[in-house]
Amino acid sequence: MNVTGAGNAAGGDRPLVVVLGGSGFIGAAVVEALARQPIRLRTVGRRPPSVPSGAVAEVQALCTDLTTGAGLRAAVEGADAVVHLLMHTGGWREAEGDPAAERVNVGVMRDLVGLLGHGPHPPVVVFAGTTSQAGLPERMPLDGSEPDLPATAYDRHKHAAEQVLKAATADGLVRGVSLRLPTVYGDSPRGRLTGRGVVSTMVRKAFAGQELTLWHDGTVERDLVYVHDVADAFLAGIEHADGLVGRHWLLGTGEGVPLGRVLRMIADLVADHLGRTPVPVVCVPPPDLAAATDMHSVVIDSSGFRAATGWRPRIPLHTALRRCVEAYAGETR
């Protein structure tokens, strides 16, 4: 793996790549992908992160509180590149009015660039932003050129953290890259169905024989990206950082899929697996916690990132959904 300025710390020519949030849904997939590279890899999480078996990388797992100065300093000491995937445990819906959410989602980035900005070689920082930082734009697909009008507290947090990273890059403290993610779904590297998104929720409901619910008529579209394709994008972000620094880049498949279709696919896949009739897909009134973004379609044009890195999504939706069903079936045996 090519990381400019690599091997500056003790450890020879192998660069040190640190994953903040390595025990999370996306983090576990990123760690698994990085573990196949000839690097030194430090995975950091709230829970003790697991070390991938058969790793080519020299892997160190660290469990620490990244909201403390000492914890963050220990996590990133000597880093040539940092993948910042940290998110408050409450999730995006609980970010409104929660000071702890802002501290994790924004404060850690402020602390991070301050810590990293003292060495002779500014390290790469690849940050997980969100495509919803653009708010509720009328024009689709999104390509990153639209103005940012974040509509939720979580989106404002992500936007603020990204601005901190861009400013630190302009000041020469770090070399920052923001990858804005759409809806991410999938199974973990250990063959489990993790994550709290719509796909994992609906797979669990279908196995339980419960109807799958839509908060609209099913025509609202999402650009769904498989978590292992997202992991490959973060590797590409590190590898091609020199051509990406100082900007945000959107990830997506380029196809908006109606959520009604996604839920029917899940119902059919679970029914085929269990040998029974598919559970119904029904429309229900949206709950109080629903946000305007829940009713807004999202399609992504990621041609800029693809041209700069060569990355592209590899796993078709139906294949990835089947893997999610098989992963959950393995857990329930």
Protein backbone atom coordinates (compact mmCIF):
# COMPACT_ATOMS: atom_id res chain seq x y z
CA MET A 1 0.00 0.00 0.00
CA ASN A 2 1.36 3.37 -1.05
CA VAL A 3 1.19 5.92 1.77
CA THR A 4 3.31 9.02 1.13
CA GLY A 5 5.66 9.59 4.03
CA ALA A 6 5.24 5.98 5.15
CA GLY A 7 7.49 4.33 7.67
CA ASN A 8 8.37 7.52 9.49
CA ALA A 9 7.80 5.96 12.89
CA ALA A 10 9.58 2.93 14.29
CA GLY A 11 8.62 -0.08 12.22
CA GLY A 12 10.80 0.08 9.13
CA ASP A 13 9.29 0.65 5.74
CA ARG A 14 5.81 -0.56 6.60
CA PRO A 15 3.40 2.36 7.05
CA LEU A 16 1.24 2.51 10.16
CA VAL A 17 -2.47 2.80 9.37
CA VAL A 18 -4.85 3.46 12.28
CA VAL A 19 -8.59 2.74 12.12
CA LEU A 20 -10.65 4.73 14.63
CA GLY A 21 -13.91 2.85 15.15
CA GLY A 22 -12.42 -0.46 14.06
CA SER A 23 -14.92 -2.50 16.07
CA GLY A 24 -17.95 -0.94 14.37
CA PHE A 25 -20.01 -2.06 11.39
CA ILE A 26 -17.99 -0.34 8.67
CA GLY A 27 -14.80 -0.42 10.74
CA ALA A 28 -14.71 -4.22 10.91
CA ALA A 29 -14.89 -4.45 7.12
CA VAL A 30 -12.18 -1.79 6.70
CA VAL A 31 -9.92 -3.59 9.18
CA GLU A 32 -10.45 -6.89 7.35
CA ALA A 33 -9.48 -5.30 4.04
CA LEU A 34 -6.45 -3.47 5.47
CA ALA A 35 -5.26 -6.64 7.19
CA ARG A 36 -4.52 -8.07 3.73
CA GLN A 37 -2.01 -5.27 3.05
CA PRO A 38 1.72 -5.29 3.95
CA ILE A 39 1.35 -2.59 6.60
CA ARG A 40 1.28 -2.08 10.33
CA LEU A 41 -2.37 -1.83 11.33
CA ARG A 42 -3.73 -0.48 14.59
CA THR A 43 -7.46 -1.01 15.06
CA VAL A 44 -9.09 1.05 17.79
CA GLY A 45 -12.59 0.70 19.18
CA ARG A 46 -14.91 1.02 22.17
CA ARG A 47 -15.02 -2.76 22.34
CA PRO A 48 -11.90 -4.93 22.02
CA PRO A 49 -11.52 -5.13 18.23
CA SER A 50 -10.98 -8.59 16.78
CA VAL A 51 -7.79 -9.36 14.86
CA PRO A 52 -8.44 -10.88 11.41
CA SER A 53 -7.09 -14.38 10.99
CA GLY A 54 -4.38 -14.93 8.37
CA ALA A 55 -3.49 -11.24 8.32
CA VAL A 56 -0.57 -10.08 6.19
CA ALA A 57 -0.42 -6.86 8.19
CA GLU A 58 1.16 -6.59 11.63
CA VAL A 59 -2.02 -5.99 13.62
CA GLN A 60 -2.39 -4.30 17.00
CA ALA A 61 -5.83 -4.10 18.64
CA LEU A 62 -6.44 -1.25 21.08
CA CYS A 63 -9.50 -0.63 23.24
CA THR A 64 -9.63 2.95 24.54
CA ASP A 65 -11.82 6.00 25.02
CA LEU A 66 -11.05 8.29 22.09
CA THR A 67 -12.81 11.26 23.69
CA THR A 68 -9.94 11.57 26.16
CA GLY A 69 -6.65 13.18 25.22
CA ALA A 70 -4.61 10.26 26.47
CA GLY A 71 -6.74 7.69 24.66
CA LEU A 72 -6.64 9.48 21.32
CA ARG A 73 -2.93 10.21 21.62
CA ALA A 74 -2.15 6.54 22.23
CA ALA A 75 -4.37 5.55 19.32
CA VAL A 76 -2.74 7.72 16.65
CA GLU A 77 0.86 7.90 17.85
CA GLY A 78 3.20 7.38 14.90
CA ALA A 79 0.38 7.09 12.36
CA ASP A 80 1.09 7.56 8.66
CA ALA A 81 -2.62 7.32 7.84
CA VAL A 82 -5.80 7.43 9.93
CA VAL A 83 -9.22 6.15 8.90
CA HIS A 84 -11.78 8.08 10.97
CA LEU A 85 -15.00 6.06 11.30
CA LEU A 86 -15.94 7.07 14.81
CA MET A 87 -19.62 7.77 15.49
CA HIS A 88 -21.60 8.31 18.66
CA THR A 89 -23.25 5.08 19.79
CA GLY A 90 -26.71 6.65 19.82
CA GLY A 91 -26.75 6.74 16.03
CA TRP A 92 -27.89 9.51 13.73
CA ARG A 93 -31.47 9.79 15.00
CA GLU A 94 -30.39 10.43 18.59
CA ALA A 95 -27.84 13.16 17.79
CA GLU A 96 -30.30 16.05 18.25
CA GLY A 97 -29.77 17.75 21.61
CA ASP A 98 -27.21 15.24 22.88
CA PRO A 99 -23.93 16.97 23.89
CA ALA A 100 -22.18 13.60 23.98
CA ALA A 101 -22.99 13.08 20.30
CA GLU A 102 -21.37 16.37 19.28
CA ARG A 103 -18.32 15.56 21.41
CA VAL A 104 -17.78 12.26 19.59
CA ASN A 105 -18.87 13.26 16.10
CA VAL A 106 -17.06 16.62 15.97
CA GLY A 107 -14.86 17.01 19.05
CA VAL A 108 -12.69 13.99 18.31
CA MET A 109 -11.87 15.40 14.87
CA ARG A 110 -10.82 18.72 16.42
CA ASP A 111 -8.58 16.87 18.85
CA LEU A 112 -7.25 14.58 16.14
CA VAL A 113 -5.98 17.26 13.79
CA GLY A 114 -4.40 19.04 16.74
CA LEU A 115 -2.49 15.92 17.72
CA LEU A 116 -1.41 15.05 14.20
CA GLY A 117 -0.32 18.53 13.22
CA HIS A 118 3.09 18.46 14.91
CA GLY A 119 5.13 15.99 12.87
CA PRO A 120 7.36 16.64 9.85
CA HIS A 121 5.14 14.60 7.50
CA PRO A 122 1.41 15.41 7.60
CA PRO A 123 -0.44 12.08 7.82
CA VAL A 124 -3.37 11.11 5.64
CA VAL A 125 -6.79 11.26 7.34
CA VAL A 126 -9.66 9.57 5.50
CA PHE A 127 -12.97 10.54 7.09
CA ALA A 128 -16.41 8.95 6.76
CA GLY A 129 -18.83 11.73 5.91
CA THR A 130 -22.38 11.31 4.67
CA THR A 131 -24.13 12.16 1.40
CA SER A 132 -26.98 13.63 3.48
CA GLN A 133 -24.75 16.61 4.31
CA ALA A 134 -26.32 18.06 1.16
CA GLY A 135 -29.72 18.08 2.88
CA LEU A 136 -32.75 17.72 0.60
CA PRO A 137 -31.59 18.81 -2.85
CA GLU A 138 -34.02 18.70 -5.75
CA ARG A 139 -31.41 17.69 -8.33
CA MET A 140 -30.40 14.05 -8.60
CA PRO A 141 -27.99 12.39 -8.81
CA LEU A 142 -25.77 14.06 -6.25
CA ASP A 143 -22.19 14.50 -7.44
CA GLY A 144 -20.61 16.62 -4.70
CA SER A 145 -21.02 19.97 -6.48
CA GLU A 146 -24.33 20.83 -4.80
CA PRO A 147 -24.34 23.21 -1.81
CA ASP A 148 -24.38 21.68 1.65
CA LEU A 149 -27.57 22.27 3.64
CA PRO A 150 -27.53 19.59 6.36
CA ALA A 151 -31.03 19.06 7.74
CA THR A 152 -30.41 16.93 10.86
CA ALA A 153 -28.12 17.28 13.87
CA TYR A 154 -26.11 14.26 12.75
CA ASP A 155 -25.61 15.72 9.28
CA ARG A 156 -24.54 19.03 10.83
CA HIS A 157 -22.06 17.16 13.02
CA LYS A 158 -20.60 15.35 10.02
CA HIS A 159 -20.40 18.59 8.08
CA ALA A 160 -18.67 20.39 10.96
CA ALA A 161 -16.12 17.61 11.35
CA GLU A 162 -15.44 17.64 7.61
CA GLN A 163 -14.90 21.40 7.69
CA VAL A 164 -12.40 20.97 10.54
CA LEU A 165 -10.54 18.41 8.43
CA LYS A 166 -10.52 20.62 5.33
CA ALA A 167 -9.22 23.61 7.32
CA ALA A 168 -6.46 21.50 8.88
CA THR A 169 -5.51 20.28 5.41
CA ALA A 170 -5.33 23.85 4.11
CA ASP A 171 -3.06 24.69 7.07
CA GLY A 172 -0.73 21.80 6.24
CA LEU A 173 -1.44 19.90 9.47
CA VAL A 174 -2.88 16.79 7.80
CA ARG A 175 -3.78 15.55 4.34
CA GLY A 176 -7.51 15.09 4.66
CA VAL A 177 -9.93 13.21 2.42
CA SER A 178 -13.66 12.97 3.13
CA LEU A 179 -15.62 10.07 1.65
CA ARG A 180 -19.34 10.78 1.86
CA LEU A 181 -21.32 7.58 2.26
CA PRO A 182 -24.91 6.84 1.22
CA THR A 183 -26.86 3.95 2.80
CA VAL A 184 -24.39 1.22 3.71
CA TYR A 185 -25.54 -2.34 4.37
CA GLY A 186 -24.15 -5.84 4.56
CA ASP A 187 -22.72 -8.69 6.59
CA SER A 188 -19.63 -8.51 8.77
CA PRO A 189 -16.30 -10.19 7.91
CA ARG A 190 -17.18 -12.83 10.50
CA GLY A 191 -20.34 -13.78 8.60
CA ARG A 192 -22.74 -12.03 10.97
CA LEU A 193 -25.48 -9.53 10.18
CA THR A 194 -24.45 -6.40 12.03
CA GLY A 195 -25.49 -2.78 11.63
CA ARG A 196 -28.76 -1.04 12.47
CA GLY A 197 -29.88 0.06 9.03
CA VAL A 198 -32.95 -0.74 7.00
CA VAL A 199 -31.57 -3.92 5.40
CA SER A 200 -30.45 -5.66 8.60
CA THR A 201 -33.65 -4.58 10.40
CA MET A 202 -35.89 -5.97 7.66
CA VAL A 203 -33.96 -9.24 7.35
CA ARG A 204 -34.45 -9.85 11.07
CA LYS A 205 -38.15 -9.01 10.82
CA ALA A 206 -38.64 -11.33 7.86
CA PHE A 207 -37.02 -14.23 9.71
CA ALA A 208 -39.35 -13.53 12.64
CA GLY A 209 -42.34 -13.76 10.30
CA GLN A 210 -43.22 -10.09 10.75
CA GLU A 211 -44.49 -7.83 7.98
CA LEU A 212 -41.97 -5.42 6.47
CA THR A 213 -43.05 -1.80 6.86
CA LEU A 214 -42.56 1.22 4.64
CA TRP A 215 -43.11 4.78 5.87
CA HIS A 216 -44.17 5.84 2.37
CA ASP A 217 -45.49 4.27 -0.83
CA GLY A 218 -42.25 2.40 -1.54
CA THR A 219 -41.05 4.58 -4.41
CA VAL A 220 -38.47 6.49 -2.34
CA GLU A 221 -35.06 5.47 -3.67
CA ARG A 222 -31.79 4.72 -1.94
CA ASP A 223 -28.33 4.26 -3.41
CA LEU A 224 -27.28 1.17 -1.44
CA VAL A 225 -23.58 0.33 -1.18
CA TYR A 226 -22.37 -3.01 0.17
CA VAL A 227 -20.14 -2.58 3.21
CA HIS A 228 -17.22 -4.53 1.72
CA ASP A 229 -17.27 -2.27 -1.36
CA VAL A 230 -17.16 0.68 1.05
CA ALA A 231 -14.13 -0.86 2.75
CA ASP A 232 -12.37 -1.07 -0.61
CA ALA A 233 -13.14 2.62 -1.14
CA PHE A 234 -11.33 3.55 2.07
CA LEU A 235 -8.29 1.60 0.92
CA ALA A 236 -8.45 3.47 -2.38
CA GLY A 237 -8.73 6.73 -0.46
CA ILE A 238 -5.45 6.01 1.32
CA GLU A 239 -3.71 4.67 -1.77
CA HIS A 240 -4.67 7.67 -3.92
CA ALA A 241 -4.64 10.33 -1.21
CA ASP A 242 -2.29 12.63 -3.10
CA GLY A 243 -4.94 13.19 -5.75
CA LEU A 244 -7.84 13.44 -3.31
CA VAL A 245 -6.70 15.67 -0.43
CA GLY A 246 -8.66 18.73 0.57
CA ARG A 247 -11.97 17.67 -0.96
CA HIS A 248 -15.03 15.55 -0.31
CA TRP A 249 -15.91 12.68 -2.61
CA LEU A 250 -19.20 10.83 -2.95
CA LEU A 251 -19.53 7.04 -2.99
CA GLY A 252 -22.42 5.27 -4.65
CA THR A 253 -23.50 2.71 -7.20
CA GLY A 254 -25.16 5.26 -9.45
CA GLU A 255 -28.50 3.46 -9.15
CA GLY A 256 -31.37 4.49 -6.95
CA VAL A 257 -33.39 1.45 -5.89
CA PRO A 258 -36.99 1.93 -4.64
CA LEU A 259 -37.18 0.78 -1.03
CA GLY A 260 -40.36 -1.13 -1.79
CA ARG A 261 -38.38 -3.26 -4.23
CA VAL A 262 -35.59 -3.79 -1.69
CA LEU A 263 -38.03 -5.01 0.97
CA ARG A 264 -39.75 -7.36 -1.48
CA MET A 265 -36.37 -8.81 -2.44
CA ILE A 266 -35.60 -9.40 1.23
CA ALA A 267 -38.99 -11.02 1.82
CA ASP A 268 -38.47 -13.33 -1.17
CA LEU A 269 -34.90 -14.28 -0.22
CA VAL A 270 -35.88 -15.13 3.35
CA ALA A 271 -38.91 -17.08 2.12
CA ASP A 272 -36.73 -19.09 -0.27
CA HIS A 273 -34.27 -19.82 2.51
CA LEU A 274 -36.95 -20.93 4.97
CA GLY A 275 -39.21 -22.62 2.42
CA ARG A 276 -42.29 -20.59 3.24
CA THR A 277 -44.49 -17.81 1.85
CA PRO A 278 -42.88 -14.34 1.80
CA VAL A 279 -43.95 -12.01 4.57
CA PRO A 280 -46.06 -9.04 3.37
CA VAL A 281 -44.59 -5.63 2.62
CA VAL A 282 -46.97 -2.92 3.85
CA CYS A 283 -47.16 0.87 4.01
CA VAL A 284 -47.70 2.44 7.44
CA PRO A 285 -47.88 6.04 8.69
CA PRO A 286 -44.42 7.40 9.51
CA PRO A 287 -43.57 7.48 13.23
CA ASP A 288 -42.75 10.68 15.10
CA LEU A 289 -39.02 9.97 14.80
CA ALA A 290 -39.16 10.08 10.98
CA ALA A 291 -37.16 12.89 9.39
CA ALA A 292 -37.63 14.66 6.08
CA THR A 293 -34.58 12.81 4.77
CA ASP A 294 -36.45 9.51 5.26
CA MET A 295 -38.90 10.58 2.54
CA HIS A 296 -36.28 11.93 0.13
CA SER A 297 -34.74 9.83 -2.64
CA VAL A 298 -30.96 9.63 -2.96
CA VAL A 299 -28.95 8.66 -6.04
CA ILE A 300 -25.20 9.19 -6.23
CA ASP A 301 -22.89 10.00 -9.13
CA SER A 302 -19.50 8.80 -7.87
CA SER A 303 -17.72 9.19 -11.22
CA GLY A 304 -15.25 11.69 -9.74
CA PHE A 305 -13.98 9.27 -7.12
CA ARG A 306 -13.99 6.39 -9.60
CA ALA A 307 -11.89 8.34 -12.10
CA ALA A 308 -9.41 9.42 -9.42
CA THR A 309 -8.96 5.97 -7.85
CA GLY A 310 -10.28 3.22 -10.12
CA TRP A 311 -12.70 2.12 -7.40
CA ARG A 312 -16.12 0.78 -8.29
CA PRO A 313 -18.77 -1.25 -6.44
CA ARG A 314 -18.29 -4.94 -7.24
CA ILE A 315 -21.13 -6.83 -5.53
CA PRO A 316 -24.65 -6.66 -7.08
CA LEU A 317 -27.55 -5.85 -4.78
CA HIS A 318 -29.26 -9.23 -5.02
CA THR A 319 -26.02 -11.09 -4.26
CA ALA A 320 -25.26 -8.87 -1.27
CA LEU A 321 -28.80 -9.20 0.09
CA ARG A 322 -28.56 -12.98 -0.19
CA ARG A 323 -25.31 -12.85 1.80
CA CYS A 324 -27.11 -10.84 4.48
CA VAL A 325 -29.86 -13.44 4.68
CA GLU A 326 -27.34 -16.30 4.85
CA ALA A 327 -25.36 -14.48 7.54
CA TYR A 328 -28.42 -14.03 9.75
CA ALA A 329 -29.51 -17.61 9.13
CA GLY A 330 -26.11 -18.75 10.37
CA GLU A 331 -26.59 -16.80 13.59
CA THR A 332 -29.99 -18.31 14.30
CA ARG A 333 -29.08 -21.97 13.81
